[in-house]
């Protein structure tokens, strides 16, 4: 997964668990694409301090994902729902019972995962 997409997903799921200070710096650099220098000046810290904060936040967010697997489950569920939609359309076009059974298996797996 592309680094920025991964960082954004991790932040979407776990960002509220960061401190306000961490969230502010992380959002400016990762989500708003400000430079380390711009953020350092705005927060009155060094560029190295901003860089260290981003690394620390990434480590924290990855730690939550390693424990909770919410992003992994979300991506897997998204894939399964996409497959359900594809199969439903195909079934509608062809009228095949096998596809309905596969749709049922996938939907049961989604329910089980939650």
PDB file of N, CA and C in Angstrom:
ATOM      1  N   UNK A   1       0.854  -1.176   0.000  1.00  0.00           N
ATOM      2  CA  UNK A   1       0.000   0.000   0.000  1.00  0.00           C
ATOM      3  C   UNK A   1       0.898   1.237   0.000  1.00  0.00           C
ATOM      4  N   UNK A   2       0.507   2.226  -0.797  1.00  0.00           N
ATOM      5  CA  UNK A   2       1.277   3.458  -0.869  1.00  0.00           C
ATOM      6  C   UNK A   2       1.391   4.075   0.530  1.00  0.00           C
ATOM      7  N   UNK A   3       2.574   4.621   0.822  1.00  0.00           N
ATOM      8  CA  UNK A   3       2.856   5.132   2.168  1.00  0.00           C
ATOM      9  C   UNK A   3       1.840   6.181   2.629  1.00  0.00           C
ATOM     10  N   UNK A   4       1.534   7.146   1.773  1.00  0.00           N
ATOM     11  CA  UNK A   4       0.609   8.222   2.163  1.00  0.00           C
ATOM     12  C   UNK A   4      -0.788   7.667   2.418  1.00  0.00           C
ATOM     13  N   UNK A   5      -1.240   6.747   1.566  1.00  0.00           N
ATOM     14  CA  UNK A   5      -2.560   6.142   1.754  1.00  0.00           C
ATOM     15  C   UNK A   5      -2.593   5.382   3.072  1.00  0.00           C
ATOM     16  N   UNK A   6      -1.524   4.639   3.345  1.00  0.00           N
ATOM     17  CA  UNK A   6      -1.463   3.874   4.589  1.00  0.00           C
ATOM     18  C   UNK A   6      -1.478   4.808   5.803  1.00  0.00           C
ATOM     19  N   UNK A   7      -0.682   5.878   5.741  1.00  0.00           N
ATOM     20  CA  UNK A   7      -0.659   6.831   6.850  1.00  0.00           C
ATOM     21  C   UNK A   7      -2.036   7.456   7.056  1.00  0.00           C
ATOM     22  N   UNK A   8      -2.696   7.784   5.962  1.00  0.00           N
ATOM     23  CA  UNK A   8      -4.021   8.403   6.053  1.00  0.00           C
ATOM     24  C   UNK A   8      -5.034   7.446   6.663  1.00  0.00           C
ATOM     25  N   UNK A   9      -5.018   6.183   6.214  1.00  0.00           N
ATOM     26  CA  UNK A   9      -5.937   5.195   6.789  1.00  0.00           C
ATOM     27  C   UNK A   9      -5.669   4.985   8.277  1.00  0.00           C
ATOM     28  N   UNK A  10      -4.403   4.851   8.633  1.00  0.00           N
ATOM     29  CA  UNK A  10      -4.061   4.669  10.044  1.00  0.00           C
ATOM     30  C   UNK A  10      -4.549   5.864  10.863  1.00  0.00           C
ATOM     31  N   UNK A  11      -4.349   7.063  10.329  1.00  0.00           N
ATOM     32  CA  UNK A  11      -4.795   8.258  11.051  1.00  0.00           C
ATOM     33  C   UNK A  11      -6.315   8.302  11.155  1.00  0.00           C
ATOM     34  N   UNK A  12      -6.998   7.937  10.075  1.00  0.00           N
ATOM     35  CA  UNK A  12      -8.464   7.922  10.109  1.00  0.00           C
ATOM     36  C   UNK A  12      -8.993   7.006  11.201  1.00  0.00           C
ATOM     37  N   UNK A  13      -8.354   5.865  11.378  1.00  0.00           N
ATOM     38  CA  UNK A  13      -8.829   4.893  12.361  1.00  0.00           C
ATOM     39  C   UNK A  13      -8.343   5.190  13.783  1.00  0.00           C
ATOM     40  N   UNK A  14      -7.116   5.653  13.913  1.00  0.00           N
ATOM     41  CA  UNK A  14      -6.525   5.761  15.255  1.00  0.00           C
ATOM     42  C   UNK A  14      -6.085   7.173  15.643  1.00  0.00           C
ATOM     43  N   UNK A  15      -6.269   8.143  14.773  1.00  0.00           N
ATOM     44  CA  UNK A  15      -5.782   9.496  15.036  1.00  0.00           C
ATOM     45  C   UNK A  15      -6.312  10.119  16.315  1.00  0.00           C
ATOM     46  N   UNK A  16      -7.542   9.801  16.668  1.00  0.00           N
ATOM     47  CA  UNK A  16      -8.122  10.375  17.883  1.00  0.00           C
ATOM     48  C   UNK A  16      -7.407   9.903  19.151  1.00  0.00           C
ATOM     49  N   UNK A  17      -6.594   8.888  19.026  1.00  0.00           N
ATOM     50  CA  UNK A  17      -5.858   8.373  20.184  1.00  0.00           C
ATOM     51  C   UNK A  17      -4.541   9.116  20.409  1.00  0.00           C
ATOM     52  N   UNK A  18      -4.178   9.998  19.478  1.00  0.00           N
ATOM     53  CA  UNK A  18      -2.983  10.827  19.643  1.00  0.00           C
ATOM     54  C   UNK A  18      -3.338  12.049  20.482  1.00  0.00           C
ATOM     55  N   UNK A  19      -2.321  12.682  21.047  1.00  0.00           N
ATOM     56  CA  UNK A  19      -2.556  13.926  21.784  1.00  0.00           C
ATOM     57  C   UNK A  19      -2.893  15.034  20.785  1.00  0.00           C
ATOM     58  N   UNK A  20      -3.466  16.126  21.279  1.00  0.00           N
ATOM     59  CA  UNK A  20      -3.799  17.255  20.399  1.00  0.00           C
ATOM     60  C   UNK A  20      -2.552  17.784  19.694  1.00  0.00           C
ATOM     61  N   UNK A  21      -1.450  17.865  20.417  1.00  0.00           N
ATOM     62  CA  UNK A  21      -0.183  18.340  19.848  1.00  0.00           C
ATOM     63  C   UNK A  21       0.278  17.403  18.731  1.00  0.00           C
ATOM     64  N   UNK A  22       0.266  16.104  18.995  1.00  0.00           N
ATOM     65  CA  UNK A  22       0.670  15.120  17.985  1.00  0.00           C
ATOM     66  C   UNK A  22      -0.249  15.206  16.762  1.00  0.00           C
ATOM     67  N   UNK A  23      -1.560  15.285  17.002  1.00  0.00           N
ATOM     68  CA  UNK A  23      -2.517  15.366  15.895  1.00  0.00           C
ATOM     69  C   UNK A  23      -2.258  16.600  15.042  1.00  0.00           C
ATOM     70  N   UNK A  24      -2.027  17.722  15.678  1.00  0.00           N
ATOM     71  CA  UNK A  24      -1.802  18.963  14.935  1.00  0.00           C
ATOM     72  C   UNK A  24      -0.610  18.870  14.005  1.00  0.00           C
ATOM     73  N   UNK A  25       0.504  18.411  14.528  1.00  0.00           N
ATOM     74  CA  UNK A  25       1.722  18.299  13.723  1.00  0.00           C
ATOM     75  C   UNK A  25       1.540  17.245  12.638  1.00  0.00           C
ATOM     76  N   UNK A  26       0.986  16.104  12.986  1.00  0.00           N
ATOM     77  CA  UNK A  26       0.795  15.015  12.023  1.00  0.00           C
ATOM     78  C   UNK A  26      -0.114  15.454  10.877  1.00  0.00           C
ATOM     79  N   UNK A  27      -1.207  16.118  11.203  1.00  0.00           N
ATOM     80  CA  UNK A  27      -2.137  16.585  10.176  1.00  0.00           C
ATOM     81  C   UNK A  27      -1.466  17.572   9.231  1.00  0.00           C
ATOM     82  N   UNK A  28      -0.700  18.501   9.788  1.00  0.00           N
ATOM     83  CA  UNK A  28      -0.045  19.501   8.951  1.00  0.00           C
ATOM     84  C   UNK A  28       0.932  18.869   7.965  1.00  0.00           C
ATOM     85  N   UNK A  29       1.741  17.929   8.433  1.00  0.00           N
ATOM     86  CA  UNK A  29       2.771  17.338   7.573  1.00  0.00           C
ATOM     87  C   UNK A  29       2.184  16.278   6.648  1.00  0.00           C
ATOM     88  N   UNK A  30       1.446  15.330   7.205  1.00  0.00           N
ATOM     89  CA  UNK A  30       1.000  14.173   6.419  1.00  0.00           C
ATOM     90  C   UNK A  30      -0.256  14.486   5.610  1.00  0.00           C
ATOM     91  N   UNK A  31      -1.250  15.082   6.232  1.00  0.00           N
ATOM     92  CA  UNK A  31      -2.517  15.301   5.546  1.00  0.00           C
ATOM     93  C   UNK A  31      -2.538  16.588   4.720  1.00  0.00           C
ATOM     94  N   UNK A  32      -1.912  17.653   5.226  1.00  0.00           N
ATOM     95  CA  UNK A  32      -1.940  18.937   4.534  1.00  0.00           C
ATOM     96  C   UNK A  32      -0.688  19.206   3.710  1.00  0.00           C
ATOM     97  N   UNK A  33       0.288  18.307   3.794  1.00  0.00           N
ATOM     98  CA  UNK A  33       1.510  18.356   2.984  1.00  0.00           C
ATOM     99  C   UNK A  33       2.344  19.621   3.199  1.00  0.00           C
ATOM    100  N   UNK A  34       2.348  20.130   4.436  1.00  0.00           N
ATOM    101  CA  UNK A  34       3.238  21.242   4.742  1.00  0.00           C
ATOM    102  C   UNK A  34       4.647  20.703   4.960  1.00  0.00           C
ATOM    103  N   UNK A  35       5.631  21.533   4.731  1.00  0.00           N
ATOM    104  CA  UNK A  35       7.015  21.113   4.919  1.00  0.00           C
ATOM    105  C   UNK A  35       7.350  21.061   6.408  1.00  0.00           C
ATOM    106  N   UNK A  36       8.410  20.344   6.716  1.00  0.00           N
ATOM    107  CA  UNK A  36       8.869  20.273   8.106  1.00  0.00           C
ATOM    108  C   UNK A  36       9.211  21.666   8.619  1.00  0.00           C
ATOM    109  N   UNK A  37       9.818  22.484   7.753  1.00  0.00           N
ATOM    110  CA  UNK A  37      10.202  23.849   8.144  1.00  0.00           C
ATOM    111  C   UNK A  37       8.981  24.699   8.471  1.00  0.00           C
ATOM    112  N   UNK A  38       7.947  24.610   7.640  1.00  0.00           N
ATOM    113  CA  UNK A  38       6.730  25.389   7.876  1.00  0.00           C
ATOM    114  C   UNK A  38       6.082  25.007   9.201  1.00  0.00           C
ATOM    115  N   UNK A  39       6.018  23.715   9.468  1.00  0.00           N
ATOM    116  CA  UNK A  39       5.386  23.243  10.697  1.00  0.00           C
ATOM    117  C   UNK A  39       6.248  23.589  11.903  1.00  0.00           C
ATOM    118  N   UNK A  40       7.555  23.441  11.750  1.00  0.00           N
ATOM    119  CA  UNK A  40       8.473  23.771  12.843  1.00  0.00           C
ATOM    120  C   UNK A  40       8.313  25.234  13.244  1.00  0.00           C
ATOM    121  N   UNK A  41       8.237  26.114  12.262  1.00  0.00           N
ATOM    122  CA  UNK A  41       8.076  27.541  12.546  1.00  0.00           C
ATOM    123  C   UNK A  41       6.735  27.816  13.225  1.00  0.00           C
ATOM    124  N   UNK A  42       5.675  27.193  12.738  1.00  0.00           N
ATOM    125  CA  UNK A  42       4.342  27.412  13.305  1.00  0.00           C
ATOM    126  C   UNK A  42       4.238  26.926  14.746  1.00  0.00           C
ATOM    127  N   UNK A  43       4.931  25.834  15.068  1.00  0.00           N
ATOM    128  CA  UNK A  43       4.844  25.254  16.412  1.00  0.00           C
ATOM    129  C   UNK A  43       6.004  25.671  17.325  1.00  0.00           C
ATOM    130  N   UNK A  44       6.942  26.425  16.778  1.00  0.00           N
ATOM    131  CA  UNK A  44       8.061  26.893  17.585  1.00  0.00           C
ATOM    132  C   UNK A  44       8.994  25.784  18.019  1.00  0.00           C
ATOM    133  N   UNK A  45       9.176  24.790  17.148  1.00  0.00           N
ATOM    134  CA  UNK A  45      10.111  23.694  17.431  1.00  0.00           C
ATOM    135  C   UNK A  45      11.037  23.530  16.231  1.00  0.00           C
ATOM    136  N   UNK A  46      12.019  22.667  16.364  1.00  0.00           N
ATOM    137  CA  UNK A  46      12.973  22.459  15.276  1.00  0.00           C
ATOM    138  C   UNK A  46      12.403  21.532  14.203  1.00  0.00           C
ATOM    139  N   UNK A  47      13.017  21.582  13.024  1.00  0.00           N
ATOM    140  CA  UNK A  47      12.638  20.665  11.946  1.00  0.00           C
ATOM    141  C   UNK A  47      12.831  19.222  12.420  1.00  0.00           C
ATOM    142  N   UNK A  48      13.918  18.985  13.154  1.00  0.00           N
ATOM    143  CA  UNK A  48      14.189  17.645  13.683  1.00  0.00           C
ATOM    144  C   UNK A  48      13.097  17.220  14.648  1.00  0.00           C
ATOM    145  N   UNK A  49      12.603  18.170  15.439  1.00  0.00           N
ATOM    146  CA  UNK A  49      11.509  17.877  16.366  1.00  0.00           C
ATOM    147  C   UNK A  49      10.246  17.462  15.626  1.00  0.00           C
ATOM    148  N   UNK A  50       9.942  18.129  14.523  1.00  0.00           N
ATOM    149  CA  UNK A  50       8.773  17.774  13.707  1.00  0.00           C
ATOM    150  C   UNK A  50       8.971  16.396  13.101  1.00  0.00           C
ATOM    151  N   UNK A  51      10.158  16.173  12.541  1.00  0.00           N
ATOM    152  CA  UNK A  51      10.472  14.871  11.937  1.00  0.00           C
ATOM    153  C   UNK A  51      10.332  13.747  12.964  1.00  0.00           C
ATOM    154  N   UNK A  52      10.884  13.960  14.140  1.00  0.00           N
ATOM    155  CA  UNK A  52      10.799  12.958  15.208  1.00  0.00           C
ATOM    156  C   UNK A  52       9.349  12.704  15.624  1.00  0.00           C
ATOM    157  N   UNK A  53       8.552  13.766  15.681  1.00  0.00           N
ATOM    158  CA  UNK A  53       7.143  13.633  16.061  1.00  0.00           C
ATOM    159  C   UNK A  53       6.385  12.800  15.023  1.00  0.00           C
ATOM    160  N   UNK A  54       6.650  13.027  13.752  1.00  0.00           N
ATOM    161  CA  UNK A  54       5.981  12.262  12.684  1.00  0.00           C
ATOM    162  C   UNK A  54       6.366  10.791  12.790  1.00  0.00           C
ATOM    163  N   UNK A  55       7.639  10.528  12.991  1.00  0.00           N
ATOM    164  CA  UNK A  55       8.089   9.129  13.146  1.00  0.00           C
ATOM    165  C   UNK A  55       7.445   8.480  14.365  1.00  0.00           C
ATOM    166  N   UNK A  56       7.396   9.211  15.470  1.00  0.00           N
ATOM    167  CA  UNK A  56       6.799   8.691  16.699  1.00  0.00           C
ATOM    168  C   UNK A  56       5.302   8.405  16.488  1.00  0.00           C
ATOM    169  N   UNK A  57       4.619   9.322  15.837  1.00  0.00           N
ATOM    170  CA  UNK A  57       3.182   9.130  15.568  1.00  0.00           C
ATOM    171  C   UNK A  57       2.965   7.919  14.665  1.00  0.00           C
ATOM    172  N   UNK A  58       3.778   7.789  13.624  1.00  0.00           N
ATOM    173  CA  UNK A  58       3.654   6.620  12.736  1.00  0.00           C
ATOM    174  C   UNK A  58       3.839   5.323  13.519  1.00  0.00           C
ATOM    175  N   UNK A  59       4.803   5.324  14.418  1.00  0.00           N
ATOM    176  CA  UNK A  59       5.059   4.137  15.237  1.00  0.00           C
ATOM    177  C   UNK A  59       3.872   3.846  16.156  1.00  0.00           C
ATOM    178  N   UNK A  60       3.319   4.881  16.748  1.00  0.00           N
ATOM    179  CA  UNK A  60       2.152   4.717  17.629  1.00  0.00           C
ATOM    180  C   UNK A  60       0.970   4.166  16.839  1.00  0.00           C
ATOM    181  N   UNK A  61       0.689   4.775  15.680  1.00  0.00           N
ATOM    182  CA  UNK A  61      -0.444   4.353  14.858  1.00  0.00           C
ATOM    183  C   UNK A  61      -0.267   2.913  14.377  1.00  0.00           C
ATOM    184  N   UNK A  62       0.945   2.557  13.962  1.00  0.00           N
ATOM    185  CA  UNK A  62       1.216   1.180  13.542  1.00  0.00           C
ATOM    186  C   UNK A  62       1.060   0.213  14.711  1.00  0.00           C
ATOM    187  N   UNK A  63       1.434   0.647  15.901  1.00  0.00           N
ATOM    188  CA  UNK A  63       1.269  -0.189  17.087  1.00  0.00           C
ATOM    189  C   UNK A  63      -0.198  -0.500  17.358  1.00  0.00           C
ATOM    190  N   UNK A  64      -1.054   0.506  17.186  1.00  0.00           N
ATOM    191  CA  UNK A  64      -2.495   0.264  17.346  1.00  0.00           C
ATOM    192  C   UNK A  64      -2.988  -0.724  16.295  1.00  0.00           C
ATOM    193  N   UNK A  65      -2.529  -0.551  15.053  1.00  0.00           N
ATOM    194  CA  UNK A  65      -2.975  -1.455  13.985  1.00  0.00           C
ATOM    195  C   UNK A  65      -2.502  -2.877  14.239  1.00  0.00           C
ATOM    196  N   UNK A  66      -1.281  -3.043  14.732  1.00  0.00           N
ATOM    197  CA  UNK A  66      -0.765  -4.386  15.037  1.00  0.00           C
ATOM    198  C   UNK A  66      -1.606  -5.074  16.112  1.00  0.00           C
ATOM    199  N   UNK A  67      -2.164  -4.294  17.009  1.00  0.00           N
ATOM    200  CA  UNK A  67      -2.982  -4.866  18.086  1.00  0.00           C
ATOM    201  C   UNK A  67      -4.436  -5.044  17.681  1.00  0.00           C
ATOM    202  N   UNK A  68      -4.995  -4.077  16.940  1.00  0.00           N
ATOM    203  CA  UNK A  68      -6.434  -4.063  16.678  1.00  0.00           C
ATOM    204  C   UNK A  68      -6.829  -4.513  15.271  1.00  0.00           C
ATOM    205  N   UNK A  69      -5.957  -4.341  14.309  1.00  0.00           N
ATOM    206  CA  UNK A  69      -6.185  -4.767  12.916  1.00  0.00           C
ATOM    207  C   UNK A  69      -7.430  -4.154  12.278  1.00  0.00           C
ATOM    208  N   UNK A  70      -7.803  -2.942  12.672  1.00  0.00           N
ATOM    209  CA  UNK A  70      -9.006  -2.323  12.133  1.00  0.00           C
ATOM    210  C   UNK A  70      -8.860  -1.945  10.657  1.00  0.00           C
ATOM    211  N   UNK A  71      -7.700  -1.443  10.266  1.00  0.00           N
ATOM    212  CA  UNK A  71      -7.482  -1.082   8.863  1.00  0.00           C
ATOM    213  C   UNK A  71      -7.484  -2.338   8.012  1.00  0.00           C
ATOM    214  N   UNK A  72      -6.817  -3.369   8.482  1.00  0.00           N
ATOM    215  CA  UNK A  72      -6.789  -4.651   7.761  1.00  0.00           C
ATOM    216  C   UNK A  72      -8.206  -5.192   7.562  1.00  0.00           C
ATOM    217  N   UNK A  73      -9.010  -5.173   8.619  1.00  0.00           N
ATOM    218  CA  UNK A  73     -10.389  -5.658   8.522  1.00  0.00           C
ATOM    219  C   UNK A  73     -11.213  -4.793   7.575  1.00  0.00           C
ATOM    220  N   UNK A  74     -11.007  -3.492   7.635  1.00  0.00           N
ATOM    221  CA  UNK A  74     -11.720  -2.578   6.754  1.00  0.00           C
ATOM    222  C   UNK A  74     -11.402  -2.879   5.290  1.00  0.00           C
ATOM    223  N   UNK A  75     -10.111  -3.034   4.969  1.00  0.00           N
ATOM    224  CA  UNK A  75      -9.716  -3.302   3.585  1.00  0.00           C
ATOM    225  C   UNK A  75     -10.241  -4.656   3.107  1.00  0.00           C
ATOM    226  N   UNK A  76     -10.200  -5.647   3.981  1.00  0.00           N
ATOM    227  CA  UNK A  76     -10.713  -6.974   3.626  1.00  0.00           C
ATOM    228  C   UNK A  76     -12.224  -6.912   3.393  1.00  0.00           C
ATOM    229  N   UNK A  77     -12.933  -6.202   4.246  1.00  0.00           N
ATOM    230  CA  UNK A  77     -14.377  -6.052   4.090  1.00  0.00           C
ATOM    231  C   UNK A  77     -14.706  -5.310   2.800  1.00  0.00           C
ATOM    232  N   UNK A  78     -13.944  -4.281   2.500  1.00  0.00           N
ATOM    233  CA  UNK A  78     -14.154  -3.531   1.262  1.00  0.00           C
ATOM    234  C   UNK A  78     -13.987  -4.443   0.046  1.00  0.00           C
ATOM    235  N   UNK A  79     -12.977  -5.294   0.067  1.00  0.00           N
ATOM    236  CA  UNK A  79     -12.773  -6.255  -1.031  1.00  0.00           C
ATOM    237  C   UNK A  79     -13.952  -7.218  -1.145  1.00  0.00           C
ATOM    238  N   UNK A  80     -14.437  -7.719  -0.008  1.00  0.00           N
ATOM    239  CA  UNK A  80     -15.548  -8.668  -0.034  1.00  0.00           C
ATOM    240  C   UNK A  80     -16.832  -8.010  -0.547  1.00  0.00           C
ATOM    241  N   UNK A  81     -17.085  -6.785  -0.145  1.00  0.00           N
ATOM    242  CA  UNK A  81     -18.281  -6.091  -0.612  1.00  0.00           C
ATOM    243  C   UNK A  81     -18.187  -5.823  -2.113  1.00  0.00           C
ATOM    244  N   UNK A  82     -17.005  -5.480  -2.578  1.00  0.00           N
ATOM    245  CA  UNK A  82     -16.798  -5.300  -4.012  1.00  0.00           C
ATOM    246  C   UNK A  82     -17.089  -6.595  -4.760  1.00  0.00           C
ATOM    247  N   UNK A  83     -16.620  -7.702  -4.213  1.00  0.00           N
ATOM    248  CA  UNK A  83     -16.883  -9.011  -4.818  1.00  0.00           C
ATOM    249  C   UNK A  83     -18.371  -9.346  -4.795  1.00  0.00           C
ATOM    250  N   UNK A  84     -19.050  -9.034  -3.712  1.00  0.00           N
ATOM    251  CA  UNK A  84     -20.499  -9.256  -3.622  1.00  0.00           C
ATOM    252  C   UNK A  84     -21.210  -8.482  -4.733  1.00  0.00           C
ATOM    253  N   UNK A  85     -20.847  -7.226  -4.890  1.00  0.00           N
ATOM    254  CA  UNK A  85     -21.480  -6.410  -5.924  1.00  0.00           C
ATOM    255  C   UNK A  85     -21.223  -6.962  -7.326  1.00  0.00           C
ATOM    256  N   UNK A  86     -19.997  -7.395  -7.565  1.00  0.00           N
ATOM    257  CA  UNK A  86     -19.655  -7.959  -8.863  1.00  0.00           C
ATOM    258  C   UNK A  86     -20.456  -9.236  -9.126  1.00  0.00           C
ATOM    259  N   UNK A  87     -20.526 -10.114  -8.130  1.00  0.00           N
ATOM    260  CA  UNK A  87     -21.266 -11.367  -8.282  1.00  0.00           C
ATOM    261  C   UNK A  87     -22.763 -11.133  -8.445  1.00  0.00           C
ATOM    262  N   UNK A  88     -23.296 -10.181  -7.704  1.00  0.00           N
ATOM    263  CA  UNK A  88     -24.720  -9.893  -7.810  1.00  0.00           C
ATOM    264  C   UNK A  88     -25.072  -9.412  -9.214  1.00  0.00           C
ATOM    265  N   UNK A  89     -24.236  -8.558  -9.766  1.00  0.00           N
ATOM    266  CA  UNK A  89     -24.469  -8.084 -11.122  1.00  0.00           C
ATOM    267  C   UNK A  89     -24.371  -9.235 -12.128  1.00  0.00           C
ATOM    268  N   UNK A  90     -23.353 -10.058 -11.929  1.00  0.00           N
ATOM    269  CA  UNK A  90     -23.165 -11.210 -12.819  1.00  0.00           C
ATOM    270  C   UNK A  90     -24.346 -12.182 -12.696  1.00  0.00           C
ATOM    271  N   UNK A  91     -24.803 -12.421 -11.492  1.00  0.00           N
ATOM    272  CA  UNK A  91     -25.958 -13.304 -11.290  1.00  0.00           C
ATOM    273  C   UNK A  91     -27.187 -12.747 -11.985  1.00  0.00           C
ATOM    274  N   UNK A  92     -27.379 -11.471 -11.829  1.00  0.00           N
ATOM    275  CA  UNK A  92     -28.534 -10.821 -12.431  1.00  0.00           C
ATOM    276  C   UNK A  92     -28.524 -11.021 -13.949  1.00  0.00           C
ATOM    277  N   UNK A  93     -27.337 -10.929 -14.521  1.00  0.00           N
ATOM    278  CA  UNK A  93     -27.205 -11.072 -15.970  1.00  0.00           C
ATOM    279  C   UNK A  93     -27.354 -12.522 -16.422  1.00  0.00           C
ATOM    280  N   UNK A  94     -26.858 -13.472 -15.633  1.00  0.00           N
ATOM    281  CA  UNK A  94     -26.808 -14.866 -16.070  1.00  0.00           C
ATOM    282  C   UNK A  94     -27.801 -15.785 -15.373  1.00  0.00           C
ATOM    283  N   UNK A  95     -28.330 -15.379 -14.222  1.00  0.00           N
ATOM    284  CA  UNK A  95     -29.291 -16.195 -13.489  1.00  0.00           C
ATOM    285  C   UNK A  95     -28.724 -17.508 -12.969  1.00  0.00           C
ATOM    286  N   UNK A  96     -27.508 -17.493 -12.420  1.00  0.00           N
ATOM    287  CA  UNK A  96     -26.866 -18.721 -11.944  1.00  0.00           C
ATOM    288  C   UNK A  96     -26.946 -18.843 -10.418  1.00  0.00           C
ATOM    289  N   UNK A  97     -27.367 -20.006  -9.939  1.00  0.00           N
ATOM    290  CA  UNK A  97     -27.510 -20.291  -8.509  1.00  0.00           C
ATOM    291  C   UNK A  97     -26.148 -20.330  -7.808  1.00  0.00           C
ATOM    292  N   UNK A  98     -25.122 -20.829  -8.476  1.00  0.00           N
ATOM    293  CA  UNK A  98     -23.780 -20.922  -7.864  1.00  0.00           C
ATOM    294  C   UNK A  98     -23.311 -19.562  -7.361  1.00  0.00           C
ATOM    295  N   UNK A  99     -23.598 -18.557  -8.108  1.00  0.00           N
ATOM    296  CA  UNK A  99     -23.156 -17.217  -7.723  1.00  0.00           C
ATOM    297  C   UNK A  99     -23.910 -16.723  -6.484  1.00  0.00           C
ATOM    298  N   UNK A 100     -25.167 -17.056  -6.386  1.00  0.00           N
ATOM    299  CA  UNK A 100     -25.928 -16.694  -5.189  1.00  0.00           C
ATOM    300  C   UNK A 100     -25.330 -17.366  -3.965  1.00  0.00           C
ATOM    301  N   UNK A 101     -24.937 -18.628  -4.079  1.00  0.00           N
ATOM    302  CA  UNK A 101     -24.316 -19.342  -2.960  1.00  0.00           C
ATOM    303  C   UNK A 101     -22.993 -18.697  -2.572  1.00  0.00           C
ATOM    304  N   UNK A 102     -22.226 -18.260  -3.559  1.00  0.00           N
ATOM    305  CA  UNK A 102     -20.962 -17.589  -3.258  1.00  0.00           C
ATOM    306  C   UNK A 102     -21.227 -16.249  -2.569  1.00  0.00           C
ATOM    307  N   UNK A 103     -22.230 -15.536  -3.031  1.00  0.00           N
ATOM    308  CA  UNK A 103     -22.609 -14.276  -2.387  1.00  0.00           C
ATOM    309  C   UNK A 103     -22.983 -14.531  -0.928  1.00  0.00           C
ATOM    310  N   UNK A 104     -23.737 -15.576  -0.665  1.00  0.00           N
ATOM    311  CA  UNK A 104     -24.125 -15.909   0.705  1.00  0.00           C
ATOM    312  C   UNK A 104     -22.900 -16.221   1.553  1.00  0.00           C
ATOM    313  N   UNK A 105     -21.946 -16.966   1.029  1.00  0.00           N
ATOM    314  CA  UNK A 105     -20.727 -17.297   1.784  1.00  0.00           C
ATOM    315  C   UNK A 105     -19.937 -16.036   2.130  1.00  0.00           C
ATOM    316  N   UNK A 106     -19.795 -15.148   1.159  1.00  0.00           N
ATOM    317  CA  UNK A 106     -19.042 -13.918   1.400  1.00  0.00           C
ATOM    318  C   UNK A 106     -19.763 -13.044   2.427  1.00  0.00           C
ATOM    319  N   UNK A 107     -21.078 -12.909   2.284  1.00  0.00           N
ATOM    320  CA  UNK A 107     -21.818 -12.069   3.233  1.00  0.00           C
ATOM    321  C   UNK A 107     -21.776 -12.667   4.640  1.00  0.00           C
ATOM    322  N   UNK A 108     -21.799 -13.988   4.751  1.00  0.00           N
ATOM    323  CA  UNK A 108     -21.688 -14.634   6.057  1.00  0.00           C
ATOM    324  C   UNK A 108     -20.310 -14.366   6.666  1.00  0.00           C
ATOM    325  N   UNK A 109     -19.278 -14.354   5.826  1.00  0.00           N
ATOM    326  CA  UNK A 109     -17.927 -14.065   6.315  1.00  0.00           C
ATOM    327  C   UNK A 109     -17.839 -12.624   6.837  1.00  0.00           C
ATOM    328  N   UNK A 110     -18.477 -11.705   6.131  1.00  0.00           N
ATOM    329  CA  UNK A 110     -18.476 -10.305   6.580  1.00  0.00           C
ATOM    330  C   UNK A 110     -19.152 -10.191   7.948  1.00  0.00           C
ATOM    331  N   UNK A 111     -20.292 -10.831   8.097  1.00  0.00           N
ATOM    332  CA  UNK A 111     -21.025 -10.818   9.378  1.00  0.00           C
ATOM    333  C   UNK A 111     -20.158 -11.427  10.475  1.00  0.00           C
ATOM    334  N   UNK A 112     -19.494 -12.526  10.165  1.00  0.00           N
ATOM    335  CA  UNK A 112     -18.633 -13.196  11.145  1.00  0.00           C
ATOM    336  C   UNK A 112     -17.479 -12.286  11.583  1.00  0.00           C
ATOM    337  N   UNK A 113     -16.914 -11.546  10.632  1.00  0.00           N
ATOM    338  CA  UNK A 113     -15.789 -10.660  10.944  1.00  0.00           C
ATOM    339  C   UNK A 113     -16.191  -9.521  11.882  1.00  0.00           C
ATOM    340  N   UNK A 114     -17.454  -9.153  11.870  1.00  0.00           N
ATOM    341  CA  UNK A 114     -17.903  -8.076  12.743  1.00  0.00           C
ATOM    342  C   UNK A 114     -18.663  -8.663  13.881  1.00  0.00           C
TER     343      UNK A 114
END
